[in-house]
Structure formats: structure tokens, C-alpha cells
Amino acid sequence: MENPLQLKCLNHISLVCRSVEKSVDFYQNILGFFPVKRPGSFNFSGAWLFNYGIGIHLLQSDNPDSMPKIGGINPKNNHISFQCESMALLEKKLKELNVEYVKSGVEEGGINVDQLFFHDPNGYMIELCNCDILPVTPLPVDSIQSSCSLTNRNVRRQRQQEQQVQLQVQKIEHVVWRN
């Protein structure tokens, strides 16, 4: 697959907060992030945290009262997902901390993925899962139903490259077989 923008990895996500202090407490004490130095040239309140190879940048809302109300936990809403090692330990910890959560799961080809969903203090949905047990399987070109032309173009290009390699291998095999 091509990498036209030369991307390497997810660096950080930025979240607007009702209270940076409550959010720091949540991300630090529940999810295990730790505060890191934030550039002093910023002229607005916030905090930076880091762990698991990604950063979370918390930005104080200029008008916390105008932020959307926290609704029910819906796994089909936008969310940030973290993989975890022990779902049982995680669920126990959330219960100890009185964090309201919803359990869900996915089954694919006999593989069962467990998921726990809950909100941070600002209403952002967090998912904790053991999704790494589910294989990442590229789709064949014929089955892609994406409307994203760039994705389709890249997949077609990759498929064409694969077909060219297969033709070259067949030609080599044919020459070797004839000799």
C-alpha cells in the first residue's frame, strides 16, 4: 500500500475539555497517561499527556457550559479505542473506580472480541478492548464498497502491482520449465 504523505504513526489527539484538571485526573489515574511538558508559548489553558506511543492534548473550553451534554453510552458513537491485556482486570478496575460502562462484543470467524465503553469527564467515548486478537485482513478489490476514490485508486494500484508480479513469476516459471 502506498504512503503518499509519508505518515509514520498517530502522534496525538486533541480534546476540548470542560475542566482540564478533571480530564488530567481521568486520563492519568484511569487510563495511565502521564503529564508531559507543554510549550510555554501557548496562550490558552491546557495539558499534554503521553503513554502507549500517543499523546493526548487537553484544551480548556472557552465556554464549558456550551459543550454538548453527556448522553448515554453508545458504542456506535465516535470513540477512541485502546487495546488492553486483561479485560477481566480492566472491568474490575472500572467497577472499583465507579466508572459507568457498557460491555459489548464482536464475533468474527469464531474469534470473540470483548469491548468496554465509557465516557471521559467531557463525554468523549473511550473503548477498551482485546481487538488485537482479530486479524487485519485486506479486502479484495471486488468487495470494497468505499466511496473514497483515493482508497479505491490505491487498492486498484496495489492489485495491479500484485498481478504484474504474478505475471512475472509465471513467465519465469515458464522459462525454467521449458529449459
N, C-alpha and C. Protein backbone atom coordinates (compact mmCIF):
# COMPACT_ATOMS: atom_id res chain seq x y z
N MET A 1 0.85 -1.18 0.00
CA MET A 1 0.00 0.00 0.00
C MET A 1 0.89 1.23 0.00
N GLU A 2 0.52 2.20 -0.79
CA GLU A 2 1.27 3.44 -0.88
C GLU A 2 1.15 4.27 0.39
N ASN A 3 2.12 5.12 0.61
CA ASN A 3 2.09 6.05 1.73
C ASN A 3 2.43 7.43 1.18
N PRO A 4 1.49 8.05 0.43
CA PRO A 4 1.81 9.29 -0.28
C PRO A 4 2.21 10.44 0.64
N LEU A 5 1.73 10.47 1.86
CA LEU A 5 2.07 11.56 2.78
C LEU A 5 3.21 11.20 3.72
N GLN A 6 3.76 9.99 3.57
CA GLN A 6 4.86 9.52 4.40
C GLN A 6 4.51 9.54 5.88
N LEU A 7 3.28 9.11 6.21
CA LEU A 7 2.84 9.05 7.60
C LEU A 7 3.57 7.94 8.33
N LYS A 8 3.82 8.14 9.63
CA LYS A 8 4.52 7.13 10.43
C LYS A 8 3.61 6.51 11.49
N CYS A 9 2.86 7.32 12.21
CA CYS A 9 2.01 6.80 13.26
C CYS A 9 1.11 7.91 13.78
N LEU A 10 0.17 7.54 14.63
CA LEU A 10 -0.67 8.53 15.29
C LEU A 10 0.19 9.25 16.33
N ASN A 11 0.20 10.57 16.32
CA ASN A 11 1.00 11.33 17.27
C ASN A 11 0.18 11.71 18.49
N HIS A 12 -0.95 12.37 18.28
CA HIS A 12 -1.78 12.77 19.42
C HIS A 12 -3.22 13.02 18.97
N ILE A 13 -4.09 13.11 19.94
CA ILE A 13 -5.44 13.57 19.72
C ILE A 13 -5.63 14.78 20.62
N SER A 14 -6.42 15.73 20.18
CA SER A 14 -6.73 16.91 20.98
C SER A 14 -8.19 16.87 21.39
N LEU A 15 -8.43 17.14 22.65
CA LEU A 15 -9.79 17.11 23.18
C LEU A 15 -10.08 18.40 23.91
N VAL A 16 -11.18 19.04 23.55
CA VAL A 16 -11.63 20.24 24.25
C VAL A 16 -12.33 19.79 25.53
N CYS A 17 -12.00 20.42 26.65
CA CYS A 17 -12.45 19.94 27.96
C CYS A 17 -13.31 20.96 28.70
N ARG A 18 -14.24 20.43 29.48
CA ARG A 18 -14.98 21.26 30.42
C ARG A 18 -14.03 21.73 31.53
N SER A 19 -13.18 20.80 31.98
CA SER A 19 -12.21 21.07 33.03
C SER A 19 -10.93 20.30 32.72
N VAL A 20 -9.86 21.02 32.42
CA VAL A 20 -8.59 20.36 32.15
C VAL A 20 -8.16 19.56 33.37
N GLU A 21 -8.35 20.09 34.57
CA GLU A 21 -7.92 19.40 35.79
C GLU A 21 -8.62 18.05 35.95
N LYS A 22 -9.94 18.01 35.78
CA LYS A 22 -10.68 16.74 35.90
C LYS A 22 -10.26 15.77 34.80
N SER A 23 -10.00 16.31 33.62
CA SER A 23 -9.60 15.46 32.50
C SER A 23 -8.21 14.88 32.72
N VAL A 24 -7.28 15.68 33.23
CA VAL A 24 -5.94 15.18 33.54
C VAL A 24 -6.06 14.05 34.57
N ASP A 25 -6.86 14.26 35.60
CA ASP A 25 -7.06 13.24 36.63
C ASP A 25 -7.58 11.94 36.00
N PHE A 26 -8.55 12.04 35.13
CA PHE A 26 -9.14 10.86 34.47
C PHE A 26 -8.10 10.13 33.62
N TYR A 27 -7.45 10.86 32.71
CA TYR A 27 -6.51 10.21 31.79
C TYR A 27 -5.28 9.69 32.51
N GLN A 28 -4.91 10.34 33.59
CA GLN A 28 -3.75 9.89 34.36
C GLN A 28 -4.11 8.70 35.25
N ASN A 29 -5.16 8.81 36.03
CA ASN A 29 -5.46 7.80 37.05
C ASN A 29 -6.32 6.64 36.57
N ILE A 30 -7.03 6.81 35.48
CA ILE A 30 -7.84 5.70 34.97
C ILE A 30 -7.18 5.04 33.78
N LEU A 31 -6.66 5.85 32.84
CA LEU A 31 -6.08 5.27 31.63
C LEU A 31 -4.56 5.16 31.65
N GLY A 32 -3.90 5.73 32.67
CA GLY A 32 -2.47 5.53 32.81
C GLY A 32 -1.59 6.45 32.00
N PHE A 33 -2.10 7.56 31.52
CA PHE A 33 -1.26 8.55 30.83
C PHE A 33 -0.51 9.37 31.87
N PHE A 34 0.61 9.97 31.46
CA PHE A 34 1.35 10.82 32.39
C PHE A 34 1.57 12.19 31.76
N PRO A 35 1.54 13.23 32.58
CA PRO A 35 1.73 14.59 32.06
C PRO A 35 3.13 14.77 31.49
N VAL A 36 3.20 15.53 30.38
CA VAL A 36 4.48 15.88 29.77
C VAL A 36 4.50 17.39 29.55
N LYS A 37 5.70 17.92 29.36
CA LYS A 37 5.88 19.37 29.18
C LYS A 37 5.12 19.84 27.94
N ARG A 38 4.44 20.93 28.13
CA ARG A 38 3.67 21.58 27.08
C ARG A 38 4.38 22.89 26.73
N PRO A 39 4.47 23.26 25.44
CA PRO A 39 5.16 24.51 25.09
C PRO A 39 4.60 25.70 25.85
N GLY A 40 5.48 26.49 26.42
CA GLY A 40 5.09 27.65 27.21
C GLY A 40 4.56 28.80 26.37
N SER A 41 4.72 28.72 25.04
CA SER A 41 4.26 29.81 24.18
C SER A 41 2.75 29.80 23.96
N PHE A 42 2.07 28.73 24.38
CA PHE A 42 0.61 28.70 24.24
C PHE A 42 -0.01 29.75 25.14
N ASN A 43 -1.00 30.46 24.62
CA ASN A 43 -1.67 31.48 25.42
C ASN A 43 -3.08 31.02 25.81
N PHE A 44 -3.24 29.72 25.99
CA PHE A 44 -4.51 29.17 26.43
C PHE A 44 -4.23 28.00 27.36
N SER A 45 -5.20 27.72 28.20
CA SER A 45 -5.04 26.67 29.21
C SER A 45 -5.15 25.28 28.59
N GLY A 46 -4.33 24.38 29.07
CA GLY A 46 -4.37 23.02 28.58
C GLY A 46 -3.33 22.16 29.26
N ALA A 47 -3.25 20.92 28.85
CA ALA A 47 -2.26 19.98 29.38
C ALA A 47 -1.97 18.94 28.32
N TRP A 48 -0.74 18.43 28.34
CA TRP A 48 -0.36 17.35 27.44
C TRP A 48 -0.06 16.13 28.28
N LEU A 49 -0.53 14.98 27.78
CA LEU A 49 -0.25 13.70 28.43
C LEU A 49 0.27 12.74 27.37
N PHE A 50 0.96 11.70 27.84
CA PHE A 50 1.55 10.75 26.90
C PHE A 50 1.59 9.35 27.52
N ASN A 51 1.40 8.35 26.68
CA ASN A 51 1.64 6.94 27.02
C ASN A 51 1.20 6.10 25.82
N TYR A 52 1.64 4.86 25.80
CA TYR A 52 1.25 3.89 24.77
C TYR A 52 1.61 4.36 23.36
N GLY A 53 2.60 5.25 23.26
CA GLY A 53 3.03 5.73 21.96
C GLY A 53 2.20 6.87 21.39
N ILE A 54 1.24 7.40 22.14
CA ILE A 54 0.44 8.52 21.64
C ILE A 54 0.28 9.59 22.71
N GLY A 55 -0.01 10.78 22.24
CA GLY A 55 -0.25 11.89 23.15
C GLY A 55 -1.72 12.26 23.18
N ILE A 56 -2.13 12.81 24.29
CA ILE A 56 -3.47 13.39 24.41
C ILE A 56 -3.25 14.83 24.83
N HIS A 57 -3.76 15.74 24.00
CA HIS A 57 -3.65 17.17 24.28
C HIS A 57 -5.01 17.65 24.75
N LEU A 58 -5.06 18.11 25.97
CA LEU A 58 -6.30 18.60 26.56
C LEU A 58 -6.34 20.11 26.46
N LEU A 59 -7.43 20.64 25.94
CA LEU A 59 -7.58 22.07 25.72
C LEU A 59 -8.78 22.56 26.52
N GLN A 60 -8.59 23.58 27.34
CA GLN A 60 -9.69 24.11 28.13
C GLN A 60 -10.68 24.82 27.21
N SER A 61 -11.95 24.45 27.32
CA SER A 61 -13.00 25.10 26.54
C SER A 61 -13.14 26.55 26.98
N ASP A 62 -13.35 27.43 26.01
CA ASP A 62 -13.61 28.84 26.33
C ASP A 62 -14.98 29.01 26.98
N ASN A 63 -15.87 28.06 26.69
CA ASN A 63 -17.23 28.14 27.24
C ASN A 63 -17.70 26.72 27.61
N PRO A 64 -17.25 26.19 28.74
CA PRO A 64 -17.58 24.80 29.12
C PRO A 64 -19.09 24.53 29.18
N ASP A 65 -19.88 25.54 29.55
CA ASP A 65 -21.33 25.33 29.65
C ASP A 65 -21.98 25.10 28.29
N SER A 66 -21.32 25.50 27.21
CA SER A 66 -21.90 25.31 25.88
C SER A 66 -21.52 23.97 25.26
N MET A 67 -20.67 23.21 25.93
CA MET A 67 -20.28 21.90 25.40
C MET A 67 -21.49 20.97 25.44
N PRO A 68 -21.57 20.03 24.48
CA PRO A 68 -22.71 19.11 24.46
C PRO A 68 -22.84 18.34 25.78
N LYS A 69 -24.06 18.10 26.17
CA LYS A 69 -24.33 17.31 27.39
C LYS A 69 -23.86 15.88 27.15
N ILE A 70 -23.44 15.24 28.22
CA ILE A 70 -23.00 13.85 28.14
C ILE A 70 -24.25 12.98 28.08
N GLY A 71 -24.37 12.21 27.00
CA GLY A 71 -25.52 11.34 26.81
C GLY A 71 -25.24 9.94 27.29
N GLY A 72 -26.07 9.03 26.85
CA GLY A 72 -25.87 7.62 27.19
C GLY A 72 -24.67 7.06 26.47
N ILE A 73 -24.18 5.94 26.95
CA ILE A 73 -23.02 5.29 26.34
C ILE A 73 -23.51 4.49 25.14
N ASN A 74 -23.06 4.89 23.97
CA ASN A 74 -23.46 4.25 22.72
C ASN A 74 -22.21 3.81 21.97
N PRO A 75 -21.92 2.51 21.91
CA PRO A 75 -20.72 2.04 21.22
C PRO A 75 -20.63 2.45 19.76
N LYS A 76 -21.75 2.87 19.16
CA LYS A 76 -21.71 3.27 17.76
C LYS A 76 -21.39 4.75 17.58
N ASN A 77 -21.11 5.48 18.66
CA ASN A 77 -20.69 6.87 18.55
C ASN A 77 -19.19 6.95 18.32
N ASN A 78 -18.72 8.13 17.95
CA ASN A 78 -17.27 8.35 17.82
C ASN A 78 -16.60 7.94 19.12
N HIS A 79 -15.43 7.32 19.01
CA HIS A 79 -14.71 6.93 20.22
C HIS A 79 -13.23 6.73 19.94
N ILE A 80 -12.48 6.72 21.02
CA ILE A 80 -11.05 6.41 21.00
C ILE A 80 -10.94 5.00 21.57
N SER A 81 -10.18 4.14 20.92
CA SER A 81 -10.08 2.76 21.37
C SER A 81 -8.65 2.43 21.77
N PHE A 82 -8.52 1.77 22.92
CA PHE A 82 -7.23 1.30 23.41
C PHE A 82 -7.30 -0.21 23.58
N GLN A 83 -6.25 -0.89 23.17
CA GLN A 83 -6.18 -2.33 23.40
C GLN A 83 -5.67 -2.56 24.80
N CYS A 84 -6.15 -3.63 25.41
CA CYS A 84 -5.69 -3.94 26.77
C CYS A 84 -5.29 -5.40 26.85
N GLU A 85 -4.62 -5.73 27.92
CA GLU A 85 -4.12 -7.09 28.10
C GLU A 85 -5.13 -7.99 28.80
N SER A 86 -5.87 -7.47 29.77
CA SER A 86 -6.79 -8.30 30.54
C SER A 86 -8.13 -7.59 30.69
N MET A 87 -9.12 -8.07 29.98
CA MET A 87 -10.45 -7.48 30.06
C MET A 87 -11.04 -7.67 31.46
N ALA A 88 -10.80 -8.80 32.08
CA ALA A 88 -11.33 -9.07 33.42
C ALA A 88 -10.75 -8.09 34.44
N LEU A 89 -9.45 -7.88 34.38
CA LEU A 89 -8.80 -6.94 35.30
C LEU A 89 -9.30 -5.52 35.05
N LEU A 90 -9.46 -5.19 33.80
CA LEU A 90 -9.95 -3.87 33.43
C LEU A 90 -11.36 -3.63 33.96
N GLU A 91 -12.24 -4.59 33.77
CA GLU A 91 -13.62 -4.44 34.25
C GLU A 91 -13.64 -4.30 35.77
N LYS A 92 -12.83 -5.08 36.46
CA LYS A 92 -12.74 -4.99 37.91
C LYS A 92 -12.31 -3.59 38.34
N LYS A 93 -11.31 -3.05 37.65
CA LYS A 93 -10.79 -1.72 37.97
C LYS A 93 -11.85 -0.64 37.74
N LEU A 94 -12.59 -0.74 36.63
CA LEU A 94 -13.64 0.25 36.35
C LEU A 94 -14.73 0.19 37.42
N LYS A 95 -15.06 -1.01 37.88
CA LYS A 95 -16.06 -1.14 38.96
C LYS A 95 -15.55 -0.50 40.24
N GLU A 96 -14.28 -0.76 40.59
CA GLU A 96 -13.68 -0.17 41.79
C GLU A 96 -13.71 1.36 41.74
N LEU A 97 -13.52 1.91 40.55
CA LEU A 97 -13.48 3.37 40.38
C LEU A 97 -14.86 3.97 40.13
N ASN A 98 -15.90 3.12 40.18
CA ASN A 98 -17.28 3.56 39.93
C ASN A 98 -17.44 4.26 38.59
N VAL A 99 -16.77 3.73 37.57
CA VAL A 99 -16.90 4.25 36.22
C VAL A 99 -18.03 3.48 35.53
N GLU A 100 -19.04 4.21 35.09
CA GLU A 100 -20.16 3.58 34.38
C GLU A 100 -19.66 3.14 33.00
N TYR A 101 -19.97 1.91 32.62
CA TYR A 101 -19.52 1.40 31.33
C TYR A 101 -20.57 0.47 30.73
N VAL A 102 -20.41 0.19 29.45
CA VAL A 102 -21.26 -0.75 28.73
C VAL A 102 -20.35 -1.81 28.13
N LYS A 103 -20.74 -3.07 28.32
CA LYS A 103 -19.99 -4.18 27.72
C LYS A 103 -20.58 -4.47 26.35
N SER A 104 -19.71 -4.83 25.44
CA SER A 104 -20.14 -5.21 24.11
C SER A 104 -19.15 -6.24 23.60
N GLY A 105 -19.42 -6.75 22.43
CA GLY A 105 -18.51 -7.73 21.86
C GLY A 105 -18.74 -7.89 20.37
N VAL A 106 -17.75 -8.46 19.73
CA VAL A 106 -17.80 -8.73 18.30
C VAL A 106 -17.33 -10.16 18.10
N GLU A 107 -18.00 -10.87 17.21
CA GLU A 107 -17.57 -12.24 16.88
C GLU A 107 -17.33 -12.29 15.38
N GLU A 108 -16.19 -12.83 15.00
CA GLU A 108 -15.87 -12.98 13.59
C GLU A 108 -15.07 -14.26 13.41
N GLY A 109 -15.63 -15.19 12.67
CA GLY A 109 -14.93 -16.43 12.37
C GLY A 109 -14.50 -17.21 13.60
N GLY A 110 -15.35 -17.22 14.64
CA GLY A 110 -15.03 -17.94 15.87
C GLY A 110 -14.15 -17.18 16.83
N ILE A 111 -13.75 -15.97 16.48
CA ILE A 111 -12.94 -15.13 17.36
C ILE A 111 -13.87 -14.15 18.06
N ASN A 112 -13.80 -14.11 19.38
CA ASN A 112 -14.64 -13.20 20.17
C ASN A 112 -13.80 -12.07 20.73
N VAL A 113 -14.19 -10.84 20.39
CA VAL A 113 -13.53 -9.64 20.88
C VAL A 113 -14.42 -9.03 21.96
N ASP A 114 -13.83 -8.73 23.10
CA ASP A 114 -14.56 -8.09 24.19
C ASP A 114 -14.30 -6.60 24.15
N GLN A 115 -15.33 -5.82 24.49
CA GLN A 115 -15.22 -4.37 24.47
C GLN A 115 -15.91 -3.79 25.70
N LEU A 116 -15.32 -2.73 26.25
CA LEU A 116 -15.94 -1.94 27.31
C LEU A 116 -15.93 -0.49 26.85
N PHE A 117 -17.08 0.17 26.95
CA PHE A 117 -17.21 1.56 26.53
C PHE A 117 -17.61 2.42 27.72
N PHE A 118 -17.01 3.61 27.82
CA PHE A 118 -17.36 4.55 28.87
C PHE A 118 -16.96 5.95 28.42
N HIS A 119 -17.40 6.95 29.17
CA HIS A 119 -17.10 8.34 28.84
C HIS A 119 -15.98 8.89 29.71
N ASP A 120 -15.24 9.84 29.14
CA ASP A 120 -14.33 10.63 29.95
C ASP A 120 -15.16 11.77 30.57
N PRO A 121 -14.58 12.65 31.38
CA PRO A 121 -15.37 13.70 32.03
C PRO A 121 -16.03 14.69 31.06
N ASN A 122 -15.61 14.67 29.80
CA ASN A 122 -16.16 15.60 28.81
C ASN A 122 -17.20 14.96 27.90
N GLY A 123 -17.41 13.67 28.08
CA GLY A 123 -18.38 12.96 27.25
C GLY A 123 -17.77 12.24 26.07
N TYR A 124 -16.43 12.32 25.91
CA TYR A 124 -15.79 11.58 24.82
C TYR A 124 -15.83 10.10 25.16
N MET A 125 -16.19 9.30 24.17
CA MET A 125 -16.32 7.86 24.37
C MET A 125 -14.93 7.21 24.30
N ILE A 126 -14.70 6.31 25.25
CA ILE A 126 -13.48 5.53 25.31
C ILE A 126 -13.88 4.06 25.16
N GLU A 127 -13.15 3.33 24.34
CA GLU A 127 -13.34 1.88 24.22
C GLU A 127 -12.06 1.22 24.69
N LEU A 128 -12.20 0.19 25.48
CA LEU A 128 -11.07 -0.66 25.85
C LEU A 128 -11.43 -2.05 25.34
N CYS A 129 -10.49 -2.70 24.67
CA CYS A 129 -10.82 -3.97 24.02
C CYS A 129 -9.59 -4.86 23.91
N ASN A 130 -9.87 -6.07 23.48
CA ASN A 130 -8.80 -7.00 23.11
C ASN A 130 -8.86 -7.23 21.60
N CYS A 131 -9.03 -6.14 20.85
CA CYS A 131 -9.20 -6.18 19.39
C CYS A 131 -7.99 -6.76 18.66
N ASP A 132 -6.84 -6.79 19.30
CA ASP A 132 -5.65 -7.29 18.61
C ASP A 132 -5.74 -8.77 18.29
N ILE A 133 -6.71 -9.49 18.85
CA ILE A 133 -6.87 -10.91 18.51
C ILE A 133 -7.61 -11.09 17.19
N LEU A 134 -8.22 -10.03 16.68
CA LEU A 134 -8.93 -10.09 15.41
C LEU A 134 -7.95 -9.77 14.30
N PRO A 135 -7.77 -10.67 13.33
CA PRO A 135 -6.80 -10.40 12.27
C PRO A 135 -7.22 -9.22 11.40
N VAL A 136 -6.25 -8.48 10.91
CA VAL A 136 -6.49 -7.40 9.97
C VAL A 136 -6.32 -8.00 8.58
N THR A 137 -7.43 -8.16 7.88
CA THR A 137 -7.43 -8.82 6.59
C THR A 137 -7.80 -7.84 5.49
N PRO A 138 -6.86 -7.53 4.58
CA PRO A 138 -7.20 -6.62 3.48
C PRO A 138 -8.34 -7.19 2.64
N LEU A 139 -9.22 -6.31 2.18
CA LEU A 139 -10.34 -6.73 1.35
C LEU A 139 -9.91 -6.88 -0.09
N PRO A 140 -10.49 -7.86 -0.81
CA PRO A 140 -10.25 -7.95 -2.25
C PRO A 140 -10.86 -6.72 -2.93
N VAL A 141 -10.30 -6.32 -4.04
CA VAL A 141 -10.76 -5.13 -4.74
C VAL A 141 -12.25 -5.21 -5.04
N ASP A 142 -12.73 -6.38 -5.43
CA ASP A 142 -14.13 -6.55 -5.83
C ASP A 142 -15.10 -6.30 -4.69
N SER A 143 -14.68 -6.45 -3.45
CA SER A 143 -15.61 -6.34 -2.33
C SER A 143 -15.57 -4.98 -1.64
N ILE A 144 -14.72 -4.09 -2.10
CA ILE A 144 -14.63 -2.78 -1.45
C ILE A 144 -15.83 -1.94 -1.87
N GLN A 145 -16.53 -1.43 -0.89
CA GLN A 145 -17.71 -0.63 -1.16
C GLN A 145 -17.51 0.80 -0.69
N SER A 146 -16.26 1.22 -0.64
CA SER A 146 -15.96 2.56 -0.14
C SER A 146 -16.24 3.59 -1.21
N SER A 147 -16.72 4.73 -0.81
CA SER A 147 -16.94 5.82 -1.76
C SER A 147 -15.71 6.70 -1.87
N CYS A 148 -14.68 6.36 -1.15
CA CYS A 148 -13.46 7.16 -1.16
C CYS A 148 -12.64 6.80 -2.39
N SER A 149 -12.58 7.70 -3.36
CA SER A 149 -11.89 7.40 -4.61
C SER A 149 -10.40 7.18 -4.41
N LEU A 150 -9.78 7.89 -3.45
CA LEU A 150 -8.36 7.70 -3.19
C LEU A 150 -8.10 6.28 -2.70
N THR A 151 -8.94 5.80 -1.78
CA THR A 151 -8.77 4.43 -1.28
C THR A 151 -8.93 3.44 -2.42
N ASN A 152 -9.96 3.61 -3.23
CA ASN A 152 -10.18 2.69 -4.34
C ASN A 152 -9.02 2.74 -5.33
N ARG A 153 -8.51 3.93 -5.62
CA ARG A 153 -7.40 4.06 -6.55
C ARG A 153 -6.16 3.36 -6.01
N ASN A 154 -5.87 3.54 -4.72
CA ASN A 154 -4.71 2.88 -4.11
C ASN A 154 -4.85 1.38 -4.11
N VAL A 155 -6.05 0.89 -3.82
CA VAL A 155 -6.27 -0.56 -3.82
C VAL A 155 -6.13 -1.11 -5.23
N ARG A 156 -6.69 -0.40 -6.23
CA ARG A 156 -6.55 -0.86 -7.62
C ARG A 156 -5.09 -0.89 -8.02
N ARG A 157 -4.34 0.14 -7.64
CA ARG A 157 -2.92 0.19 -7.97
C ARG A 157 -2.17 -0.98 -7.33
N GLN A 158 -2.49 -1.25 -6.05
CA GLN A 158 -1.84 -2.36 -5.36
C GLN A 158 -2.19 -3.69 -6.05
N ARG A 159 -3.45 -3.86 -6.43
CA ARG A 159 -3.88 -5.09 -7.10
C ARG A 159 -3.15 -5.23 -8.44
N GLN A 160 -3.00 -4.13 -9.19
CA GLN A 160 -2.29 -4.19 -10.47
C GLN A 160 -0.84 -4.59 -10.26
N GLN A 161 -0.21 -4.05 -9.21
CA GLN A 161 1.17 -4.41 -8.92
C GLN A 161 1.28 -5.89 -8.58
N GLU A 162 0.32 -6.39 -7.79
CA GLU A 162 0.32 -7.81 -7.44
C GLU A 162 0.15 -8.68 -8.69
N GLN A 163 -0.72 -8.27 -9.60
CA GLN A 163 -0.94 -9.03 -10.82
C GLN A 163 0.31 -9.02 -11.70
N GLN A 164 1.01 -7.86 -11.77
CA GLN A 164 2.25 -7.78 -12.55
C GLN A 164 3.31 -8.71 -11.98
N VAL A 165 3.41 -8.76 -10.66
CA VAL A 165 4.37 -9.67 -10.02
C VAL A 165 4.01 -11.11 -10.34
N GLN A 166 2.72 -11.45 -10.25
CA GLN A 166 2.29 -12.82 -10.57
C GLN A 166 2.62 -13.17 -12.01
N LEU A 167 2.40 -12.24 -12.95
CA LEU A 167 2.73 -12.50 -14.36
C LEU A 167 4.23 -12.71 -14.54
N GLN A 168 5.04 -11.91 -13.86
CA GLN A 168 6.49 -12.07 -13.95
C GLN A 168 6.92 -13.43 -13.42
N VAL A 169 6.33 -13.85 -12.29
CA VAL A 169 6.64 -15.16 -11.72
C VAL A 169 6.25 -16.27 -12.69
N GLN A 170 5.08 -16.13 -13.31
CA GLN A 170 4.63 -17.14 -14.27
C GLN A 170 5.57 -17.21 -15.47
N LYS A 171 6.03 -16.05 -15.96
CA LYS A 171 6.96 -16.04 -17.09
C LYS A 171 8.26 -16.75 -16.70
N ILE A 172 8.76 -16.45 -15.50
CA ILE A 172 10.00 -17.08 -15.04
C ILE A 172 9.79 -18.59 -14.91
N GLU A 173 8.67 -19.01 -14.34
CA GLU A 173 8.38 -20.43 -14.20
C GLU A 173 8.27 -21.10 -15.56
N HIS A 174 7.66 -20.41 -16.53
CA HIS A 174 7.51 -20.96 -17.87
C HIS A 174 8.88 -21.15 -18.54
N VAL A 175 9.77 -20.15 -18.40
CA VAL A 175 11.10 -20.23 -18.98
C VAL A 175 11.88 -21.36 -18.31
N VAL A 176 11.80 -21.46 -16.99
CA VAL A 176 12.50 -22.51 -16.27
C VAL A 176 11.95 -23.88 -16.67
N TRP A 177 10.65 -23.99 -16.82
CA TRP A 177 10.03 -25.27 -17.16
C TRP A 177 10.41 -25.70 -18.56
N ARG A 178 10.52 -24.72 -19.52
CA ARG A 178 10.89 -25.06 -20.89
C ARG A 178 12.34 -25.51 -20.98
N ASN A 179 13.18 -24.97 -20.12
CA ASN A 179 14.62 -25.33 -20.19
C ASN A 179 14.79 -26.56 -19.40
